[in-house]
Amino acid sequence: MLLEFTIGILLLIILGLILYNIYQKRMINIRVQQQVQHEKDRIRKDALTRSRAVLKGKIGEQMAPLLEAFPFQPADARFIGSPIDYIVFDGYSQNHPTEIVLIDIKTGNAQLSPTEKRIASLVNAKRVRWMTIRI
């Protein structure tokens, strides 16, 4: 009788440990799923924020010639978009161009890209030339 009682207690303990293990695995699964969902939400929010910033920058680039801060006549500006935003032929709208200016528009804390920095250094080093190609 004592042996049967001991075996019964051991079986209950083993069954309890198995059930506890199953419970722990389910709880871990639930926590992992919650963390994954939280991370997905965070990534989506971050992507949306970045997307808005890029969109705001692109709108700013297109609208720049219409703003008071733009120091040239909008009719003198030609939008390129990449690798720089504008070429301005200052005075072109009055049929008397006096200067050619390459402009890159930045919003917020945006910085020049390495390519834009290289182009600026080429212009500043006067590594610019005219070429006519006849076809």
Protein backbone atom coordinates (compact mmCIF):
# COMPACT_ATOMS: atom_id res chain seq x y z
CA MET A 1 0.00 0.00 0.00
CA LEU A 2 2.84 2.41 0.86
CA LEU A 3 4.53 1.52 -2.44
CA GLU A 4 1.34 2.24 -4.39
CA PHE A 5 0.90 5.52 -2.54
CA THR A 6 4.53 6.53 -3.26
CA ILE A 7 4.19 5.59 -6.93
CA GLY A 8 0.94 7.59 -7.10
CA ILE A 9 2.65 10.63 -5.57
CA LEU A 10 5.61 10.29 -7.97
CA LEU A 11 3.25 10.01 -10.94
CA LEU A 12 1.38 13.13 -9.76
CA ILE A 13 4.68 15.00 -9.38
CA ILE A 14 5.80 13.87 -12.86
CA LEU A 15 2.43 14.80 -14.33
CA GLY A 16 2.63 18.18 -12.56
CA LEU A 17 6.13 18.80 -13.96
CA ILE A 18 4.99 17.88 -17.48
CA LEU A 19 1.97 20.18 -17.24
CA TYR A 20 4.15 22.98 -15.79
CA ASN A 21 6.64 22.53 -18.65
CA ILE A 22 3.82 22.72 -21.23
CA TYR A 23 2.46 25.83 -19.50
CA GLN A 24 5.91 27.50 -19.48
CA LYS A 25 6.42 26.77 -23.18
CA ARG A 26 3.04 28.31 -24.01
CA MET A 27 3.81 31.38 -21.89
CA ILE A 28 7.19 31.80 -23.59
CA ASN A 29 5.48 31.47 -26.99
CA ILE A 30 2.95 34.14 -26.05
CA ARG A 31 5.71 36.50 -24.84
CA VAL A 32 7.76 35.94 -27.98
CA GLN A 33 4.72 36.63 -30.18
CA GLN A 34 4.00 39.80 -28.22
CA GLN A 35 7.61 40.96 -28.60
CA VAL A 36 7.59 40.16 -32.31
CA GLN A 37 4.36 42.12 -32.77
CA HIS A 38 5.76 45.03 -30.75
CA GLU A 39 8.91 45.04 -32.90
CA LYS A 40 6.86 44.90 -36.11
CA ASP A 41 4.81 47.88 -34.92
CA ARG A 42 7.98 49.79 -34.02
CA ILE A 43 9.55 49.04 -37.41
CA ARG A 44 6.37 50.12 -39.25
CA LYS A 45 6.22 53.35 -37.28
CA ASP A 46 9.91 54.04 -37.96
CA ALA A 47 9.47 53.31 -41.68
CA LEU A 48 6.47 55.63 -41.83
CA THR A 49 8.41 58.40 -40.08
CA ARG A 50 11.34 58.01 -42.47
CA SER A 51 9.03 57.88 -45.46
CA ARG A 52 7.37 61.11 -44.38
CA ALA A 53 10.77 62.78 -43.98
CA VAL A 54 11.83 61.69 -47.48
CA LEU A 55 8.53 62.83 -48.95
CA LYS A 56 8.81 66.18 -47.15
CA GLY A 57 12.33 66.59 -48.56
CA LYS A 58 11.21 65.80 -52.11
CA ILE A 59 8.31 68.25 -51.86
CA GLY A 60 10.70 70.86 -50.47
CA GLU A 61 13.07 70.31 -53.39
CA GLN A 62 10.29 70.84 -55.91
CA MET A 63 8.85 73.88 -54.15
CA ALA A 64 12.17 75.60 -53.35
CA PRO A 65 12.16 78.04 -56.31
CA LEU A 66 8.76 79.35 -55.20
CA LEU A 67 9.94 80.20 -51.68
CA GLU A 68 11.19 83.62 -50.60
CA ALA A 69 14.47 82.11 -49.42
CA PHE A 70 15.32 81.03 -52.98
CA PRO A 71 17.71 83.76 -54.20
CA PHE A 72 17.08 83.31 -57.95
CA GLN A 73 14.21 83.77 -60.36
CA PRO A 74 12.19 80.52 -60.53
CA ALA A 75 12.24 80.78 -64.35
CA ASP A 76 16.05 80.57 -64.26
CA ALA A 77 16.07 77.27 -62.35
CA ARG A 78 16.01 73.84 -63.98
CA PHE A 79 15.19 70.87 -61.76
CA ILE A 80 17.42 67.83 -62.25
CA GLY A 81 16.75 65.89 -59.04
CA SER A 82 19.86 63.73 -59.01
CA PRO A 83 22.74 63.95 -58.24
CA ILE A 84 21.99 67.62 -57.59
CA ASP A 85 18.60 69.30 -57.48
CA TYR A 86 18.91 72.39 -59.68
CA ILE A 87 21.00 74.14 -62.25
CA VAL A 88 20.31 77.86 -62.20
CA PHE A 89 21.15 80.01 -65.19
CA ASP A 90 21.03 83.33 -63.35
CA GLY A 91 19.64 86.04 -65.63
CA TYR A 92 18.37 83.58 -68.26
CA SER A 93 14.77 84.80 -67.96
CA GLN A 94 15.97 88.30 -68.98
CA ASN A 95 17.98 86.85 -71.91
CA HIS A 96 21.23 87.77 -70.17
CA PRO A 97 22.67 84.82 -68.19
CA THR A 98 25.50 85.96 -65.93
CA GLU A 99 26.21 82.90 -63.83
CA ILE A 100 25.55 79.17 -63.65
CA VAL A 101 24.86 77.83 -60.17
CA LEU A 102 24.48 74.20 -59.11
CA ILE A 103 22.10 73.88 -56.14
CA ASP A 104 21.20 71.05 -53.82
CA ILE A 105 18.19 71.57 -51.53
CA LYS A 106 18.28 70.08 -48.01
CA THR A 107 15.57 70.02 -45.36
CA GLY A 108 15.95 69.54 -41.61
CA ASN A 109 19.34 68.13 -40.63
CA ALA A 110 20.02 66.45 -43.98
CA GLN A 111 23.65 66.43 -45.06
CA LEU A 112 25.31 66.25 -48.46
CA SER A 113 25.89 62.72 -49.67
CA PRO A 114 29.47 61.69 -50.55
CA THR A 115 28.63 62.10 -54.26
CA GLU A 116 27.19 65.58 -53.66
CA LYS A 117 30.30 66.55 -51.68
CA ARG A 118 32.49 65.31 -54.53
CA ILE A 119 30.50 67.34 -57.09
CA ALA A 120 30.78 70.44 -54.90
CA SER A 121 34.55 69.99 -54.64
CA LEU A 122 34.83 69.56 -58.43
CA VAL A 123 32.88 72.78 -58.99
CA ASN A 124 34.92 74.64 -56.38
CA ALA A 125 38.13 73.37 -58.02
CA LYS A 126 36.78 74.74 -61.33
CA ARG A 127 36.73 71.23 -62.84
CA VAL A 128 33.78 72.25 -65.07
CA ARG A 129 33.81 72.53 -68.85
CA TRP A 130 31.59 73.17 -71.85
CA MET A 131 31.11 70.63 -74.59
CA THR A 132 29.04 70.69 -77.77
CA ILE A 133 28.14 67.33 -79.25
CA ARG A 134 26.85 67.28 -82.81
CA ILE A 135 24.80 64.33 -83.96
